[in-house]
Amino acid sequence: MDAVRTNAIDEIAEFLLTAPTLEQVIAFKASAGVQERLDDLLERNKTGQLTADEHEELDETLQLDLFVQFLKAKAKVKLANK
């Protein structure tokens, strides 16, 4: 597994293990390094310059992003219903 993918998974796991508040879940952002790598993959994907491994990395990173977006949406609903 690529170091950036591992970093993204580790960041999310470490964050969740802190038992964050709903507000902290909503405010969560990936590190600059993870975000830069994602931006690079997205840009190179537009021009068809990704290797098969990079394409897999992009897919996995986007799945992680969807999971975080889901958590944020759930946190917003819970916060609104307090």
C-alpha atoms as a PDB file:
ATOM      1  CA  MET A   1       0.000   0.000   0.000  1.00  0.00           C
ATOM      2  CA  ASP A   2       1.301   3.461  -0.889  1.00  0.00           C
ATOM      3  CA  ALA A   3       2.569   5.661   1.939  1.00  0.00           C
ATOM      4  CA  VAL A   4       0.048   8.425   1.170  1.00  0.00           C
ATOM      5  CA  ARG A   5      -2.860   5.953   1.233  1.00  0.00           C
ATOM      6  CA  THR A   6      -1.561   4.604   4.523  1.00  0.00           C
ATOM      7  CA  ASN A   7      -1.235   8.151   5.830  1.00  0.00           C
ATOM      8  CA  ALA A   8      -4.817   8.973   4.869  1.00  0.00           C
ATOM      9  CA  ILE A   9      -6.163   5.844   6.539  1.00  0.00           C
ATOM     10  CA  ASP A  10      -3.963   6.422   9.578  1.00  0.00           C
ATOM     11  CA  GLU A  11      -5.070  10.059   9.854  1.00  0.00           C
ATOM     12  CA  ILE A  12      -8.731   9.087   9.824  1.00  0.00           C
ATOM     13  CA  ALA A  13      -8.206   6.217  12.273  1.00  0.00           C
ATOM     14  CA  GLU A  14      -6.161   8.337  14.669  1.00  0.00           C
ATOM     15  CA  PHE A  15      -8.753  11.094  14.506  1.00  0.00           C
ATOM     16  CA  LEU A  16     -11.654   8.729  15.191  1.00  0.00           C
ATOM     17  CA  LEU A  17      -9.779   7.128  18.090  1.00  0.00           C
ATOM     18  CA  THR A  18      -9.732  10.492  19.861  1.00  0.00           C
ATOM     19  CA  ALA A  19     -13.526  10.218  20.251  1.00  0.00           C
ATOM     20  CA  PRO A  20     -14.110  13.552  18.519  1.00  0.00           C
ATOM     21  CA  THR A  21     -17.123  15.730  19.186  1.00  0.00           C
ATOM     22  CA  LEU A  22     -19.690  16.250  16.442  1.00  0.00           C
ATOM     23  CA  GLU A  23     -18.192  19.681  15.798  1.00  0.00           C
ATOM     24  CA  GLN A  24     -14.715  18.181  15.447  1.00  0.00           C
ATOM     25  CA  VAL A  25     -15.993  15.587  12.972  1.00  0.00           C
ATOM     26  CA  ILE A  26     -17.558  18.356  10.885  1.00  0.00           C
ATOM     27  CA  ALA A  27     -14.310  20.379  10.976  1.00  0.00           C
ATOM     28  CA  PHE A  28     -11.997  17.436  10.149  1.00  0.00           C
ATOM     29  CA  LYS A  29      -9.652  17.960   7.202  1.00  0.00           C
ATOM     30  CA  ALA A  30      -6.906  15.818   5.736  1.00  0.00           C
ATOM     31  CA  SER A  31      -3.329  16.921   6.209  1.00  0.00           C
ATOM     32  CA  ALA A  32      -1.692  19.115   3.600  1.00  0.00           C
ATOM     33  CA  GLY A  33       0.389  16.156   2.382  1.00  0.00           C
ATOM     34  CA  VAL A  34      -2.627  13.939   1.805  1.00  0.00           C
ATOM     35  CA  GLN A  35      -4.525  16.776   0.121  1.00  0.00           C
ATOM     36  CA  GLU A  36      -1.578  17.631  -2.138  1.00  0.00           C
ATOM     37  CA  ARG A  37      -1.274  14.000  -3.239  1.00  0.00           C
ATOM     38  CA  LEU A  38      -5.000  13.807  -3.970  1.00  0.00           C
ATOM     39  CA  ASP A  39      -4.861  17.045  -5.957  1.00  0.00           C
ATOM     40  CA  ASP A  40      -1.911  15.696  -7.957  1.00  0.00           C
ATOM     41  CA  LEU A  41      -3.692  12.419  -8.703  1.00  0.00           C
ATOM     42  CA  LEU A  42      -6.873  14.220  -9.747  1.00  0.00           C
ATOM     43  CA  GLU A  43      -4.989  16.583 -12.047  1.00  0.00           C
ATOM     44  CA  ARG A  44      -2.982  13.800 -13.666  1.00  0.00           C
ATOM     45  CA  ASN A  45      -6.127  11.687 -14.012  1.00  0.00           C
ATOM     46  CA  LYS A  46      -7.676  14.443 -16.139  1.00  0.00           C
ATOM     47  CA  THR A  47      -4.858  14.079 -18.635  1.00  0.00           C
ATOM     48  CA  GLY A  48      -4.715  10.277 -18.523  1.00  0.00           C
ATOM     49  CA  GLN A  49      -1.267  10.176 -16.933  1.00  0.00           C
ATOM     50  CA  LEU A  50      -1.979   7.772 -14.041  1.00  0.00           C
ATOM     51  CA  THR A  51      -0.430   4.352 -13.741  1.00  0.00           C
ATOM     52  CA  ALA A  52      -2.664   1.441 -12.779  1.00  0.00           C
ATOM     53  CA  ASP A  53      -1.395   1.652  -9.182  1.00  0.00           C
ATOM     54  CA  GLU A  54      -2.049   5.388  -9.053  1.00  0.00           C
ATOM     55  CA  HIS A  55      -5.544   4.872 -10.422  1.00  0.00           C
ATOM     56  CA  GLU A  56      -6.185   2.357  -7.641  1.00  0.00           C
ATOM     57  CA  GLU A  57      -4.744   4.831  -5.115  1.00  0.00           C
ATOM     58  CA  LEU A  58      -7.044   7.555  -6.429  1.00  0.00           C
ATOM     59  CA  ASP A  59     -10.086   5.288  -6.196  1.00  0.00           C
ATOM     60  CA  GLU A  60      -9.240   4.284  -2.627  1.00  0.00           C
ATOM     61  CA  THR A  61      -8.587   7.869  -1.591  1.00  0.00           C
ATOM     62  CA  LEU A  62     -11.884   8.999  -3.099  1.00  0.00           C
ATOM     63  CA  GLN A  63     -13.671   6.198  -1.218  1.00  0.00           C
ATOM     64  CA  LEU A  64     -12.076   7.424   2.006  1.00  0.00           C
ATOM     65  CA  ASP A  65     -13.201  10.944   1.166  1.00  0.00           C
ATOM     66  CA  LEU A  66     -16.771   9.720   0.643  1.00  0.00           C
ATOM     67  CA  PHE A  67     -16.636   7.983   4.028  1.00  0.00           C
ATOM     68  CA  VAL A  68     -15.482  11.204   5.719  1.00  0.00           C
ATOM     69  CA  GLN A  69     -18.203  13.179   3.908  1.00  0.00           C
ATOM     70  CA  PHE A  70     -20.759  10.618   5.154  1.00  0.00           C
ATOM     71  CA  LEU A  71     -19.488  11.008   8.725  1.00  0.00           C
ATOM     72  CA  LYS A  72     -19.705  14.784   8.448  1.00  0.00           C
ATOM     73  CA  ALA A  73     -23.271  14.629   7.121  1.00  0.00           C
ATOM     74  CA  LYS A  74     -24.316  12.288   9.947  1.00  0.00           C
ATOM     75  CA  ALA A  75     -22.655  14.590  12.489  1.00  0.00           C
ATOM     76  CA  LYS A  76     -24.509  17.615  11.086  1.00  0.00           C
ATOM     77  CA  VAL A  77     -27.844  15.791  11.348  1.00  0.00           C
ATOM     78  CA  LYS A  78     -27.119  14.713  14.930  1.00  0.00           C
ATOM     79  CA  LEU A  79     -26.054  18.227  15.840  1.00  0.00           C
ATOM     80  CA  ALA A  80     -29.191  19.724  14.301  1.00  0.00           C
ATOM     81  CA  ASN A  81     -31.365  17.267  16.262  1.00  0.00           C
ATOM     82  CA  LYS A  82     -29.826  18.085  19.646  1.00  0.00           C
END
